[in-house]
Amino acid sequence: MQQNFIEEPVLEFIYEYGMFLAKAVTLVAAAALIIGLIAGAAAGKARPKKGQLQFTDLTAQYKAVTEDMQQQLLDKKQFKQWQKTQQSKKAETKPRLFVVDFHGSMDAREAESLREEVTAILAVAGKEDEVLLRLESGGGVVHGYGLAASQLDRLRKAEVSLTVAIDKVAASGGYMMACIGHKILAAPFAIVGSIGVIAQLPNFNKLLKKGHIDFEQFTAGEYKRTVTLFGENNDKGRQKFQQELEQTHQLFKQFVQDHRPQLDIDQVATGEHWFGYQALPLKLVDEIQTSDAYLLSQMSQRDLFQVRYQLRKGIAEKVGIGSANILSVWWQKLMQQSRLG
């Protein structure tokens, strides 16, 4: 039997060429990435960051799903008859229901998109139209959620009916937004309420002293800084800070009371939260119903449209988000292996 051998110099050449090719591809990819980042940064400076409004016809989607189901369930003759029945129905102009989603973060940065969505709706909405806000938020900073609530108040001032649906949670700043609605819906076990204010911070002063580290802070104004992370806090500063929290709480209570006068504000503004079933008799919500059930109930009465403002992300953000997602997946796998091990 004859055997074919490749001489060693040939193998070495193939190996070296493969290594050269791999390095070249890596360098080209790295250069392309750097150029892309520079171009993206330059473009970002050249023009303001913008987004895009997206409109989705939910009524058409629902009809398409219904037709698919009927086609699967009926025989050909029955399905053709069903189609004729649907086609015979006269197309009529109906009031519209605009659906907006708000999934709030701690700083309520989503208020930027909400502003654009509300502005778009107000440009076309009539007095007979309605807005459904599907709200999900555990609250956050006062000024952020105050701005988000003010965006919703624009709808009320324009006399556009606003319904707020809480499927999971609308607490603290989330409830500050929810109370703007003419009507509040809640799922049976959605978390509602938490009309209170909280502030907490660590103090490292003792640790600094232990390490013989001095911390110096200079202020002008008696209460420019009441409590601090690194300095030594005193009772006077703590009392002033507590007073400011109480004042913020009073503003929060008054805001909720103004929009939902039917509430016994002293009963519900204790910082507690309730589930939907419990929130109903307290008048924190008006109905126990999910957003899905409400949308289905409105299908025959209104044309449904989802309105979403999507911010455009630059290449630097996309690369950053992609890297973060890769690291997140890697970390989750590592943690799973650690638990199993």
C-alpha atoms as a PDB file:
ATOM      1  CA  MET A   1       0.000   0.000   0.000  1.00  0.00           C
ATOM      2  CA  GLN A   2       1.379   3.385  -0.997  1.00  0.00           C
ATOM      3  CA  GLN A   3       1.297   6.245   1.579  1.00  0.00           C
ATOM      4  CA  ASN A   4       1.448   9.924   0.695  1.00  0.00           C
ATOM      5  CA  PHE A   5       3.394  12.185   3.030  1.00  0.00           C
ATOM      6  CA  ILE A   6       3.434  15.982   3.066  1.00  0.00           C
ATOM      7  CA  GLU A   7       6.883  17.290   3.654  1.00  0.00           C
ATOM      8  CA  GLU A   8       7.517  19.201   6.894  1.00  0.00           C
ATOM      9  CA  PRO A   9       8.410  22.526   5.199  1.00  0.00           C
ATOM     10  CA  VAL A  10       5.032  22.498   3.433  1.00  0.00           C
ATOM     11  CA  LEU A  11       3.171  21.922   6.733  1.00  0.00           C
ATOM     12  CA  GLU A  12       5.130  24.718   8.362  1.00  0.00           C
ATOM     13  CA  PHE A  13       4.252  27.052   5.477  1.00  0.00           C
ATOM     14  CA  ILE A  14       0.526  26.221   5.776  1.00  0.00           C
ATOM     15  CA  TYR A  15       0.640  26.822   9.533  1.00  0.00           C
ATOM     16  CA  GLU A  16       2.461  30.153   9.205  1.00  0.00           C
ATOM     17  CA  TYR A  17       0.109  31.284   6.444  1.00  0.00           C
ATOM     18  CA  GLY A  18      -2.925  30.383   8.559  1.00  0.00           C
ATOM     19  CA  MET A  19      -1.559  32.384  11.507  1.00  0.00           C
ATOM     20  CA  PHE A  20      -0.824  35.358   9.238  1.00  0.00           C
ATOM     21  CA  LEU A  21      -4.342  35.227   7.788  1.00  0.00           C
ATOM     22  CA  ALA A  22      -5.920  35.090  11.260  1.00  0.00           C
ATOM     23  CA  LYS A  23      -3.882  38.093  12.418  1.00  0.00           C
ATOM     24  CA  ALA A  24      -4.754  40.053   9.282  1.00  0.00           C
ATOM     25  CA  VAL A  25      -8.486  39.396   9.722  1.00  0.00           C
ATOM     26  CA  THR A  26      -8.262  40.418  13.395  1.00  0.00           C
ATOM     27  CA  LEU A  27      -6.437  43.665  12.562  1.00  0.00           C
ATOM     28  CA  VAL A  28      -8.914  44.566   9.796  1.00  0.00           C
ATOM     29  CA  ALA A  29     -11.891  43.882  12.100  1.00  0.00           C
ATOM     30  CA  ALA A  30     -10.343  45.963  14.889  1.00  0.00           C
ATOM     31  CA  ALA A  31      -9.599  48.832  12.504  1.00  0.00           C
ATOM     32  CA  ALA A  32     -13.151  48.721  11.133  1.00  0.00           C
ATOM     33  CA  LEU A  33     -14.552  48.808  14.672  1.00  0.00           C
ATOM     34  CA  ILE A  34     -12.405  51.806  15.649  1.00  0.00           C
ATOM     35  CA  ILE A  35     -13.328  53.684  12.474  1.00  0.00           C
ATOM     36  CA  GLY A  36     -16.989  52.912  13.087  1.00  0.00           C
ATOM     37  CA  LEU A  37     -16.801  54.191  16.675  1.00  0.00           C
ATOM     38  CA  ILE A  38     -15.074  57.399  15.557  1.00  0.00           C
ATOM     39  CA  ALA A  39     -17.620  57.928  12.773  1.00  0.00           C
ATOM     40  CA  GLY A  40     -20.480  57.259  15.169  1.00  0.00           C
ATOM     41  CA  ALA A  41     -19.112  59.727  17.725  1.00  0.00           C
ATOM     42  CA  ALA A  42     -18.606  62.361  15.025  1.00  0.00           C
ATOM     43  CA  ALA A  43     -22.123  61.835  13.691  1.00  0.00           C
ATOM     44  CA  GLY A  44     -23.503  62.093  17.210  1.00  0.00           C
ATOM     45  CA  LYS A  45     -21.825  65.477  17.652  1.00  0.00           C
ATOM     46  CA  ALA A  46     -22.942  66.662  14.229  1.00  0.00           C
ATOM     47  CA  ARG A  47     -26.647  66.058  14.812  1.00  0.00           C
ATOM     48  CA  PRO A  48     -28.889  65.797  17.862  1.00  0.00           C
ATOM     49  CA  LYS A  49     -29.900  62.375  19.081  1.00  0.00           C
ATOM     50  CA  LYS A  50     -33.304  61.531  17.663  1.00  0.00           C
ATOM     51  CA  GLY A  51     -35.766  58.692  17.700  1.00  0.00           C
ATOM     52  CA  GLN A  52     -38.591  57.330  15.618  1.00  0.00           C
ATOM     53  CA  LEU A  53     -42.298  57.047  16.256  1.00  0.00           C
ATOM     54  CA  GLN A  54     -43.721  53.606  15.613  1.00  0.00           C
ATOM     55  CA  PHE A  55     -47.439  52.999  15.068  1.00  0.00           C
ATOM     56  CA  THR A  56     -48.850  49.475  15.225  1.00  0.00           C
ATOM     57  CA  ASP A  57     -52.422  48.680  14.187  1.00  0.00           C
ATOM     58  CA  LEU A  58     -53.482  46.332  16.984  1.00  0.00           C
ATOM     59  CA  THR A  59     -56.955  45.917  15.506  1.00  0.00           C
ATOM     60  CA  ALA A  60     -55.491  44.559  12.260  1.00  0.00           C
ATOM     61  CA  GLN A  61     -53.219  42.215  14.216  1.00  0.00           C
ATOM     62  CA  TYR A  62     -56.163  40.884  16.201  1.00  0.00           C
ATOM     63  CA  LYS A  63     -58.213  40.337  13.038  1.00  0.00           C
ATOM     64  CA  ALA A  64     -55.311  38.467  11.412  1.00  0.00           C
ATOM     65  CA  VAL A  65     -54.982  36.169  14.435  1.00  0.00           C
ATOM     66  CA  THR A  66     -58.737  35.559  14.456  1.00  0.00           C
ATOM     67  CA  GLU A  67     -58.717  34.682  10.745  1.00  0.00           C
ATOM     68  CA  ASP A  68     -55.807  32.250  11.228  1.00  0.00           C
ATOM     69  CA  MET A  69     -57.642  30.525  14.072  1.00  0.00           C
ATOM     70  CA  GLN A  70     -60.875  30.256  12.077  1.00  0.00           C
ATOM     71  CA  GLN A  71     -58.986  28.788   9.121  1.00  0.00           C
ATOM     72  CA  GLN A  72     -57.540  26.109  11.379  1.00  0.00           C
ATOM     73  CA  LEU A  73     -60.822  25.285  13.124  1.00  0.00           C
ATOM     74  CA  LEU A  74     -63.310  25.423  10.229  1.00  0.00           C
ATOM     75  CA  ASP A  75     -63.503  23.353   7.078  1.00  0.00           C
ATOM     76  CA  LYS A  76     -63.058  25.089   3.718  1.00  0.00           C
ATOM     77  CA  LYS A  77     -66.760  25.689   3.124  1.00  0.00           C
ATOM     78  CA  GLN A  78     -67.340  27.067   6.608  1.00  0.00           C
ATOM     79  CA  PHE A  79     -64.242  29.234   6.396  1.00  0.00           C
ATOM     80  CA  LYS A  80     -65.326  30.765   3.063  1.00  0.00           C
ATOM     81  CA  GLN A  81     -68.727  31.512   4.549  1.00  0.00           C
ATOM     82  CA  TRP A  82     -67.081  33.132   7.569  1.00  0.00           C
ATOM     83  CA  GLN A  83     -64.927  35.272   5.254  1.00  0.00           C
ATOM     84  CA  LYS A  84     -68.016  36.408   3.316  1.00  0.00           C
ATOM     85  CA  THR A  85     -69.694  37.375   6.568  1.00  0.00           C
ATOM     86  CA  GLN A  86     -66.674  39.445   7.596  1.00  0.00           C
ATOM     87  CA  GLN A  87     -66.455  41.144   4.197  1.00  0.00           C
ATOM     88  CA  SER A  88     -70.138  42.025   4.265  1.00  0.00           C
ATOM     89  CA  LYS A  89     -69.677  44.051   7.422  1.00  0.00           C
ATOM     90  CA  LYS A  90     -69.476  47.704   6.530  1.00  0.00           C
ATOM     91  CA  ALA A  91     -66.272  49.459   7.412  1.00  0.00           C
ATOM     92  CA  GLU A  92     -67.098  52.218   9.847  1.00  0.00           C
ATOM     93  CA  THR A  93     -65.064  54.947  11.420  1.00  0.00           C
ATOM     94  CA  LYS A  94     -64.667  54.308  15.128  1.00  0.00           C
ATOM     95  CA  PRO A  95     -63.141  56.278  17.963  1.00  0.00           C
ATOM     96  CA  ARG A  96     -59.519  55.328  18.549  1.00  0.00           C
ATOM     97  CA  LEU A  97     -57.731  53.841  21.517  1.00  0.00           C
ATOM     98  CA  PHE A  98     -54.028  54.702  21.646  1.00  0.00           C
ATOM     99  CA  VAL A  99     -51.926  52.240  23.655  1.00  0.00           C
ATOM    100  CA  VAL A 100     -48.721  53.439  25.335  1.00  0.00           C
ATOM    101  CA  ASP A 101     -46.290  51.377  27.429  1.00  0.00           C
ATOM    102  CA  PHE A 102     -44.202  52.793  30.278  1.00  0.00           C
ATOM    103  CA  HIS A 103     -41.699  50.514  32.022  1.00  0.00           C
ATOM    104  CA  GLY A 104     -40.124  52.890  34.491  1.00  0.00           C
ATOM    105  CA  SER A 105     -36.553  52.801  35.763  1.00  0.00           C
ATOM    106  CA  MET A 106     -35.256  54.392  38.950  1.00  0.00           C
ATOM    107  CA  ASP A 107     -34.534  57.750  37.283  1.00  0.00           C
ATOM    108  CA  ALA A 108     -37.658  57.649  35.062  1.00  0.00           C
ATOM    109  CA  ARG A 109     -35.564  58.326  31.950  1.00  0.00           C
ATOM    110  CA  GLU A 110     -38.415  56.773  29.936  1.00  0.00           C
ATOM    111  CA  ALA A 111     -40.231  60.100  30.391  1.00  0.00           C
ATOM    112  CA  GLU A 112     -38.272  61.322  27.357  1.00  0.00           C
ATOM    113  CA  SER A 113     -40.032  58.818  25.099  1.00  0.00           C
ATOM    114  CA  LEU A 114     -43.353  59.378  26.886  1.00  0.00           C
ATOM    115  CA  ARG A 115     -43.125  63.073  26.035  1.00  0.00           C
ATOM    116  CA  GLU A 116     -42.863  62.299  22.327  1.00  0.00           C
ATOM    117  CA  GLU A 117     -45.669  59.736  22.456  1.00  0.00           C
ATOM    118  CA  VAL A 118     -48.040  62.126  24.216  1.00  0.00           C
ATOM    119  CA  THR A 119     -47.180  64.919  21.781  1.00  0.00           C
ATOM    120  CA  ALA A 120     -47.913  62.647  18.800  1.00  0.00           C
ATOM    121  CA  ILE A 121     -51.237  61.525  20.259  1.00  0.00           C
ATOM    122  CA  LEU A 122     -52.352  65.068  21.078  1.00  0.00           C
ATOM    123  CA  ALA A 123     -51.651  66.037  17.455  1.00  0.00           C
ATOM    124  CA  VAL A 124     -54.391  63.691  16.186  1.00  0.00           C
ATOM    125  CA  ALA A 125     -56.652  62.738  19.117  1.00  0.00           C
ATOM    126  CA  GLY A 126     -60.216  63.939  19.366  1.00  0.00           C
ATOM    127  CA  LYS A 127     -62.415  64.268  22.433  1.00  0.00           C
ATOM    128  CA  GLU A 128     -63.979  60.855  21.669  1.00  0.00           C
ATOM    129  CA  ASP A 129     -60.596  59.077  21.581  1.00  0.00           C
ATOM    130  CA  GLU A 130     -58.901  57.413  24.542  1.00  0.00           C
ATOM    131  CA  VAL A 131     -55.390  56.575  25.725  1.00  0.00           C
ATOM    132  CA  LEU A 132     -54.502  53.374  27.568  1.00  0.00           C
ATOM    133  CA  LEU A 133     -51.241  53.528  29.513  1.00  0.00           C
ATOM    134  CA  ARG A 134     -49.832  50.110  30.409  1.00  0.00           C
ATOM    135  CA  LEU A 135     -47.773  51.125  33.412  1.00  0.00           C
ATOM    136  CA  GLU A 136     -45.094  49.148  35.210  1.00  0.00           C
ATOM    137  CA  SER A 137     -42.866  50.839  37.772  1.00  0.00           C
ATOM    138  CA  GLY A 138     -41.779  50.439  41.368  1.00  0.00           C
ATOM    139  CA  GLY A 139     -40.973  54.145  41.599  1.00  0.00           C
ATOM    140  CA  GLY A 140     -37.799  56.186  41.787  1.00  0.00           C
ATOM    141  CA  VAL A 141     -36.576  59.762  42.057  1.00  0.00           C
ATOM    142  CA  VAL A 142     -39.160  62.454  42.776  1.00  0.00           C
ATOM    143  CA  HIS A 143     -38.200  64.879  39.997  1.00  0.00           C
ATOM    144  CA  GLY A 144     -38.094  62.125  37.350  1.00  0.00           C
ATOM    145  CA  TYR A 145     -41.524  60.733  38.136  1.00  0.00           C
ATOM    146  CA  GLY A 146     -42.903  64.212  38.672  1.00  0.00           C
ATOM    147  CA  LEU A 147     -41.975  64.994  35.059  1.00  0.00           C
ATOM    148  CA  ALA A 148     -43.456  61.703  33.800  1.00  0.00           C
ATOM    149  CA  ALA A 149     -46.713  62.438  35.638  1.00  0.00           C
ATOM    150  CA  SER A 150     -46.762  65.936  34.133  1.00  0.00           C
ATOM    151  CA  GLN A 151     -46.573  64.425  30.640  1.00  0.00           C
ATOM    152  CA  LEU A 152     -49.716  62.396  31.380  1.00  0.00           C
ATOM    153  CA  ASP A 153     -51.409  65.485  32.813  1.00  0.00           C
ATOM    154  CA  ARG A 154     -51.152  67.042  29.344  1.00  0.00           C
ATOM    155  CA  LEU A 155     -53.724  64.475  28.185  1.00  0.00           C
ATOM    156  CA  ARG A 156     -56.135  65.401  30.973  1.00  0.00           C
ATOM    157  CA  LYS A 157     -55.793  69.100  30.239  1.00  0.00           C
ATOM    158  CA  ALA A 158     -56.564  68.388  26.568  1.00  0.00           C
ATOM    159  CA  GLU A 159     -59.678  66.479  27.730  1.00  0.00           C
ATOM    160  CA  VAL A 160     -58.465  63.188  26.260  1.00  0.00           C
ATOM    161  CA  SER A 161     -59.669  60.247  28.345  1.00  0.00           C
ATOM    162  CA  LEU A 162     -56.798  58.407  30.054  1.00  0.00           C
ATOM    163  CA  THR A 163     -57.046  54.866  31.404  1.00  0.00           C
ATOM    164  CA  VAL A 164     -54.110  53.415  33.346  1.00  0.00           C
ATOM    165  CA  ALA A 165     -53.641  49.634  33.531  1.00  0.00           C
ATOM    166  CA  ILE A 166     -51.421  48.113  36.235  1.00  0.00           C
ATOM    167  CA  ASP A 167     -50.646  44.500  35.405  1.00  0.00           C
ATOM    168  CA  LYS A 168     -47.666  44.047  37.749  1.00  0.00           C
ATOM    169  CA  VAL A 169     -46.676  47.069  39.815  1.00  0.00           C
ATOM    170  CA  ALA A 170     -47.284  50.817  40.083  1.00  0.00           C
ATOM    171  CA  ALA A 171     -45.899  51.884  43.426  1.00  0.00           C
ATOM    172  CA  SER A 172     -44.527  55.132  44.837  1.00  0.00           C
ATOM    173  CA  GLY A 173     -43.555  57.210  41.764  1.00  0.00           C
ATOM    174  CA  GLY A 174     -45.423  54.647  39.666  1.00  0.00           C
ATOM    175  CA  TYR A 175     -48.628  55.416  41.550  1.00  0.00           C
ATOM    176  CA  MET A 176     -47.908  59.139  41.206  1.00  0.00           C
ATOM    177  CA  MET A 177     -48.265  58.537  37.463  1.00  0.00           C
ATOM    178  CA  ALA A 178     -51.238  56.181  37.791  1.00  0.00           C
ATOM    179  CA  CYS A 179     -53.354  58.617  39.797  1.00  0.00           C
ATOM    180  CA  ILE A 180     -53.421  60.976  36.781  1.00  0.00           C
ATOM    181  CA  GLY A 181     -55.714  58.530  34.974  1.00  0.00           C
ATOM    182  CA  HIS A 182     -59.458  59.077  34.739  1.00  0.00           C
ATOM    183  CA  LYS A 183     -59.731  55.352  35.425  1.00  0.00           C
ATOM    184  CA  ILE A 184     -57.243  52.912  36.998  1.00  0.00           C
ATOM    185  CA  LEU A 185     -57.343  49.173  36.268  1.00  0.00           C
ATOM    186  CA  ALA A 186     -55.305  46.634  38.212  1.00  0.00           C
ATOM    187  CA  ALA A 187     -54.662  42.917  37.906  1.00  0.00           C
ATOM    188  CA  PRO A 188     -55.762  40.959  41.001  1.00  0.00           C
ATOM    189  CA  PHE A 189     -52.256  40.681  42.443  1.00  0.00           C
ATOM    190  CA  ALA A 190     -50.677  43.819  41.016  1.00  0.00           C
ATOM    191  CA  ILE A 191     -48.772  45.876  43.600  1.00  0.00           C
ATOM    192  CA  VAL A 192     -50.323  49.303  44.142  1.00  0.00           C
ATOM    193  CA  GLY A 193     -49.714  52.230  46.465  1.00  0.00           C
ATOM    194  CA  SER A 194     -46.587  52.888  48.541  1.00  0.00           C
ATOM    195  CA  ILE A 195     -47.438  56.580  48.850  1.00  0.00           C
ATOM    196  CA  GLY A 196     -44.388  57.496  50.859  1.00  0.00           C
ATOM    197  CA  VAL A 197     -40.852  58.869  50.589  1.00  0.00           C
ATOM    198  CA  ILE A 198     -37.595  57.140  51.473  1.00  0.00           C
ATOM    199  CA  ALA A 199     -33.952  58.215  51.545  1.00  0.00           C
ATOM    200  CA  GLN A 200     -31.016  56.179  52.752  1.00  0.00           C
ATOM    201  CA  LEU A 201     -27.253  56.504  52.539  1.00  0.00           C
ATOM    202  CA  PRO A 202     -24.196  54.974  54.171  1.00  0.00           C
ATOM    203  CA  ASN A 203     -21.754  57.016  56.240  1.00  0.00           C
ATOM    204  CA  PHE A 204     -18.033  56.230  56.056  1.00  0.00           C
ATOM    205  CA  ASN A 205     -16.825  58.757  58.608  1.00  0.00           C
ATOM    206  CA  LYS A 206     -15.774  56.183  61.236  1.00  0.00           C
ATOM    207  CA  LEU A 207     -13.954  54.158  58.594  1.00  0.00           C
ATOM    208  CA  LEU A 208     -12.048  57.244  57.446  1.00  0.00           C
ATOM    209  CA  LYS A 209     -11.085  58.100  61.009  1.00  0.00           C
ATOM    210  CA  LYS A 210      -9.852  54.557  61.559  1.00  0.00           C
ATOM    211  CA  GLY A 211      -7.587  54.969  58.528  1.00  0.00           C
ATOM    212  CA  HIS A 212      -6.455  58.424  59.746  1.00  0.00           C
ATOM    213  CA  ILE A 213      -8.023  60.100  56.720  1.00  0.00           C
ATOM    214  CA  ASP A 214      -9.395  63.625  57.097  1.00  0.00           C
ATOM    215  CA  PHE A 215     -12.487  64.674  55.151  1.00  0.00           C
ATOM    216  CA  GLU A 216     -13.122  68.369  54.640  1.00  0.00           C
ATOM    217  CA  GLN A 217     -16.292  69.908  53.260  1.00  0.00           C
ATOM    218  CA  PHE A 218     -16.997  73.604  52.719  1.00  0.00           C
ATOM    219  CA  THR A 219     -20.493  75.050  52.291  1.00  0.00           C
ATOM    220  CA  ALA A 220     -22.150  78.453  52.180  1.00  0.00           C
ATOM    221  CA  GLY A 221     -25.653  78.404  53.569  1.00  0.00           C
ATOM    222  CA  GLU A 222     -26.760  76.819  56.828  1.00  0.00           C
ATOM    223  CA  TYR A 223     -28.488  73.868  55.217  1.00  0.00           C
ATOM    224  CA  LYS A 224     -26.534  73.516  51.980  1.00  0.00           C
ATOM    225  CA  ARG A 225     -25.593  70.029  53.158  1.00  0.00           C
ATOM    226  CA  THR A 226     -27.608  68.370  55.922  1.00  0.00           C
ATOM    227  CA  VAL A 227     -26.223  64.827  55.923  1.00  0.00           C
ATOM    228  CA  THR A 228     -23.139  63.538  54.179  1.00  0.00           C
ATOM    229  CA  LEU A 229     -21.466  60.296  53.138  1.00  0.00           C
ATOM    230  CA  PHE A 230     -18.013  61.058  54.514  1.00  0.00           C
ATOM    231  CA  GLY A 231     -18.400  63.789  57.120  1.00  0.00           C
ATOM    232  CA  GLU A 232     -19.645  63.430  60.678  1.00  0.00           C
ATOM    233  CA  ASN A 233     -23.423  63.922  60.748  1.00  0.00           C
ATOM    234  CA  ASN A 234     -25.123  65.687  63.653  1.00  0.00           C
ATOM    235  CA  ASP A 235     -28.661  65.756  65.045  1.00  0.00           C
ATOM    236  CA  LYS A 236     -29.402  69.190  63.601  1.00  0.00           C
ATOM    237  CA  GLY A 237     -28.577  68.007  60.089  1.00  0.00           C
ATOM    238  CA  ARG A 238     -30.582  64.801  60.552  1.00  0.00           C
ATOM    239  CA  GLN A 239     -33.622  66.735  61.782  1.00  0.00           C
ATOM    240  CA  LYS A 240     -33.485  69.087  58.798  1.00  0.00           C
ATOM    241  CA  PHE A 241     -33.161  66.161  56.392  1.00  0.00           C
ATOM    242  CA  GLN A 242     -36.153  64.447  58.000  1.00  0.00           C
ATOM    243  CA  GLN A 243     -38.110  67.693  57.742  1.00  0.00           C
ATOM    244  CA  GLU A 244     -37.390  67.839  54.007  1.00  0.00           C
ATOM    245  CA  LEU A 245     -38.620  64.250  53.599  1.00  0.00           C
ATOM    246  CA  GLU A 246     -41.838  65.110  55.430  1.00  0.00           C
ATOM    247  CA  GLN A 247     -42.388  68.118  53.188  1.00  0.00           C
ATOM    248  CA  THR A 248     -41.889  65.971  50.084  1.00  0.00           C
ATOM    249  CA  HIS A 249     -44.361  63.440  51.479  1.00  0.00           C
ATOM    250  CA  GLN A 250     -46.946  66.153  52.023  1.00  0.00           C
ATOM    251  CA  LEU A 251     -46.548  67.318  48.418  1.00  0.00           C
ATOM    252  CA  PHE A 252     -46.939  63.717  47.236  1.00  0.00           C
ATOM    253  CA  LYS A 253     -50.102  63.252  49.322  1.00  0.00           C
ATOM    254  CA  GLN A 254     -51.603  66.502  48.049  1.00  0.00           C
ATOM    255  CA  PHE A 255     -50.818  65.550  44.448  1.00  0.00           C
ATOM    256  CA  VAL A 256     -52.609  62.197  44.806  1.00  0.00           C
ATOM    257  CA  GLN A 257     -55.536  63.769  46.662  1.00  0.00           C
ATOM    258  CA  ASP A 258     -56.020  66.399  43.956  1.00  0.00           C
ATOM    259  CA  HIS A 259     -56.312  63.727  41.269  1.00  0.00           C
ATOM    260  CA  ARG A 260     -58.251  61.154  43.303  1.00  0.00           C
ATOM    261  CA  PRO A 261     -60.397  63.103  45.766  1.00  0.00           C
ATOM    262  CA  GLN A 262     -62.377  59.943  46.576  1.00  0.00           C
ATOM    263  CA  LEU A 263     -59.394  58.588  48.522  1.00  0.00           C
ATOM    264  CA  ASP A 264     -58.989  58.710  52.289  1.00  0.00           C
ATOM    265  CA  ILE A 265     -55.459  59.999  51.833  1.00  0.00           C
ATOM    266  CA  ASP A 266     -54.400  59.580  55.463  1.00  0.00           C
ATOM    267  CA  GLN A 267     -55.411  55.927  55.323  1.00  0.00           C
ATOM    268  CA  VAL A 268     -53.448  55.073  52.188  1.00  0.00           C
ATOM    269  CA  ALA A 269     -50.457  57.455  52.396  1.00  0.00           C
ATOM    270  CA  THR A 270     -48.596  55.415  55.000  1.00  0.00           C
ATOM    271  CA  GLY A 271     -45.943  54.053  52.659  1.00  0.00           C
ATOM    272  CA  GLU A 272     -47.691  50.649  52.537  1.00  0.00           C
ATOM    273  CA  HIS A 273     -48.521  48.820  49.328  1.00  0.00           C
ATOM    274  CA  TRP A 274     -51.505  46.611  48.542  1.00  0.00           C
ATOM    275  CA  PHE A 275     -52.439  43.983  45.993  1.00  0.00           C
ATOM    276  CA  GLY A 276     -55.105  44.818  43.443  1.00  0.00           C
ATOM    277  CA  TYR A 277     -57.870  43.015  45.358  1.00  0.00           C
ATOM    278  CA  GLN A 278     -57.010  45.022  48.470  1.00  0.00           C
ATOM    279  CA  ALA A 279     -56.543  48.308  46.604  1.00  0.00           C
ATOM    280  CA  LEU A 280     -60.078  48.257  45.148  1.00  0.00           C
ATOM    281  CA  PRO A 281     -62.033  48.835  48.388  1.00  0.00           C
ATOM    282  CA  LEU A 282     -59.460  51.490  49.352  1.00  0.00           C
ATOM    283  CA  LYS A 283     -60.341  53.252  46.067  1.00  0.00           C
ATOM    284  CA  LEU A 284     -56.722  53.262  44.920  1.00  0.00           C
ATOM    285  CA  VAL A 285     -57.997  51.571  41.733  1.00  0.00           C
ATOM    286  CA  ASP A 286     -61.380  51.519  39.998  1.00  0.00           C
ATOM    287  CA  GLU A 287     -61.586  48.010  38.524  1.00  0.00           C
ATOM    288  CA  ILE A 288     -59.910  44.617  38.809  1.00  0.00           C
ATOM    289  CA  GLN A 289     -58.991  43.877  35.217  1.00  0.00           C
ATOM    290  CA  THR A 290     -55.870  43.173  33.170  1.00  0.00           C
ATOM    291  CA  SER A 291     -54.834  45.341  30.252  1.00  0.00           C
ATOM    292  CA  ASP A 292     -55.378  42.386  27.878  1.00  0.00           C
ATOM    293  CA  ALA A 293     -58.982  41.958  29.010  1.00  0.00           C
ATOM    294  CA  TYR A 294     -59.607  45.674  28.632  1.00  0.00           C
ATOM    295  CA  LEU A 295     -58.187  45.750  25.099  1.00  0.00           C
ATOM    296  CA  LEU A 296     -60.378  42.828  24.041  1.00  0.00           C
ATOM    297  CA  SER A 297     -63.427  44.564  25.486  1.00  0.00           C
ATOM    298  CA  GLN A 298     -62.660  47.648  23.372  1.00  0.00           C
ATOM    299  CA  MET A 299     -62.074  45.837  20.054  1.00  0.00           C
ATOM    300  CA  SER A 300     -65.664  46.149  18.874  1.00  0.00           C
ATOM    301  CA  GLN A 301     -65.976  49.780  19.953  1.00  0.00           C
ATOM    302  CA  ARG A 302     -62.670  51.331  18.961  1.00  0.00           C
ATOM    303  CA  ASP A 303     -59.768  51.059  16.529  1.00  0.00           C
ATOM    304  CA  LEU A 304     -56.653  50.202  18.514  1.00  0.00           C
ATOM    305  CA  PHE A 305     -53.209  51.630  17.794  1.00  0.00           C
ATOM    306  CA  GLN A 306     -50.004  51.204  19.747  1.00  0.00           C
ATOM    307  CA  VAL A 307     -47.777  54.288  19.851  1.00  0.00           C
ATOM    308  CA  ARG A 308     -44.105  53.901  20.692  1.00  0.00           C
ATOM    309  CA  TYR A 309     -41.197  56.308  20.456  1.00  0.00           C
ATOM    310  CA  GLN A 310     -37.954  54.391  19.930  1.00  0.00           C
ATOM    311  CA  LEU A 311     -34.701  56.251  20.492  1.00  0.00           C
ATOM    312  CA  ARG A 312     -32.049  55.606  17.863  1.00  0.00           C
ATOM    313  CA  LYS A 313     -28.829  54.202  19.282  1.00  0.00           C
ATOM    314  CA  GLY A 314     -25.431  55.151  17.908  1.00  0.00           C
ATOM    315  CA  ILE A 315     -22.819  52.552  16.999  1.00  0.00           C
ATOM    316  CA  ALA A 316     -20.965  53.137  20.277  1.00  0.00           C
ATOM    317  CA  GLU A 317     -24.120  52.387  22.257  1.00  0.00           C
ATOM    318  CA  LYS A 318     -24.875  49.315  20.149  1.00  0.00           C
ATOM    319  CA  VAL A 319     -21.364  47.953  20.683  1.00  0.00           C
ATOM    320  CA  GLY A 320     -21.608  48.707  24.395  1.00  0.00           C
ATOM    321  CA  ILE A 321     -25.001  47.043  24.738  1.00  0.00           C
ATOM    322  CA  GLY A 322     -23.848  44.029  22.719  1.00  0.00           C
ATOM    323  CA  SER A 323     -20.772  43.639  24.908  1.00  0.00           C
ATOM    324  CA  ALA A 324     -22.870  43.973  28.049  1.00  0.00           C
ATOM    325  CA  ASN A 325     -25.275  41.301  26.795  1.00  0.00           C
ATOM    326  CA  ILE A 326     -22.386  38.920  26.035  1.00  0.00           C
ATOM    327  CA  LEU A 327     -20.912  39.492  29.491  1.00  0.00           C
ATOM    328  CA  SER A 328     -24.344  39.018  31.079  1.00  0.00           C
ATOM    329  CA  VAL A 329     -24.868  35.667  29.338  1.00  0.00           C
ATOM    330  CA  TRP A 330     -21.338  34.563  30.263  1.00  0.00           C
ATOM    331  CA  TRP A 331     -21.860  35.562  33.904  1.00  0.00           C
ATOM    332  CA  GLN A 332     -25.212  33.766  34.107  1.00  0.00           C
ATOM    333  CA  LYS A 333     -23.655  30.570  32.739  1.00  0.00           C
ATOM    334  CA  LEU A 334     -20.778  30.886  35.206  1.00  0.00           C
ATOM    335  CA  MET A 335     -23.186  31.328  38.114  1.00  0.00           C
ATOM    336  CA  GLN A 336     -25.253  28.334  36.974  1.00  0.00           C
ATOM    337  CA  GLN A 337     -22.108  26.216  36.849  1.00  0.00           C
ATOM    338  CA  SER A 338     -21.116  27.438  40.304  1.00  0.00           C
ATOM    339  CA  ARG A 339     -24.512  26.528  41.769  1.00  0.00           C
ATOM    340  CA  LEU A 340     -24.542  23.114  40.137  1.00  0.00           C
ATOM    341  CA  GLY A 341     -20.957  22.457  41.216  1.00  0.00           C
END
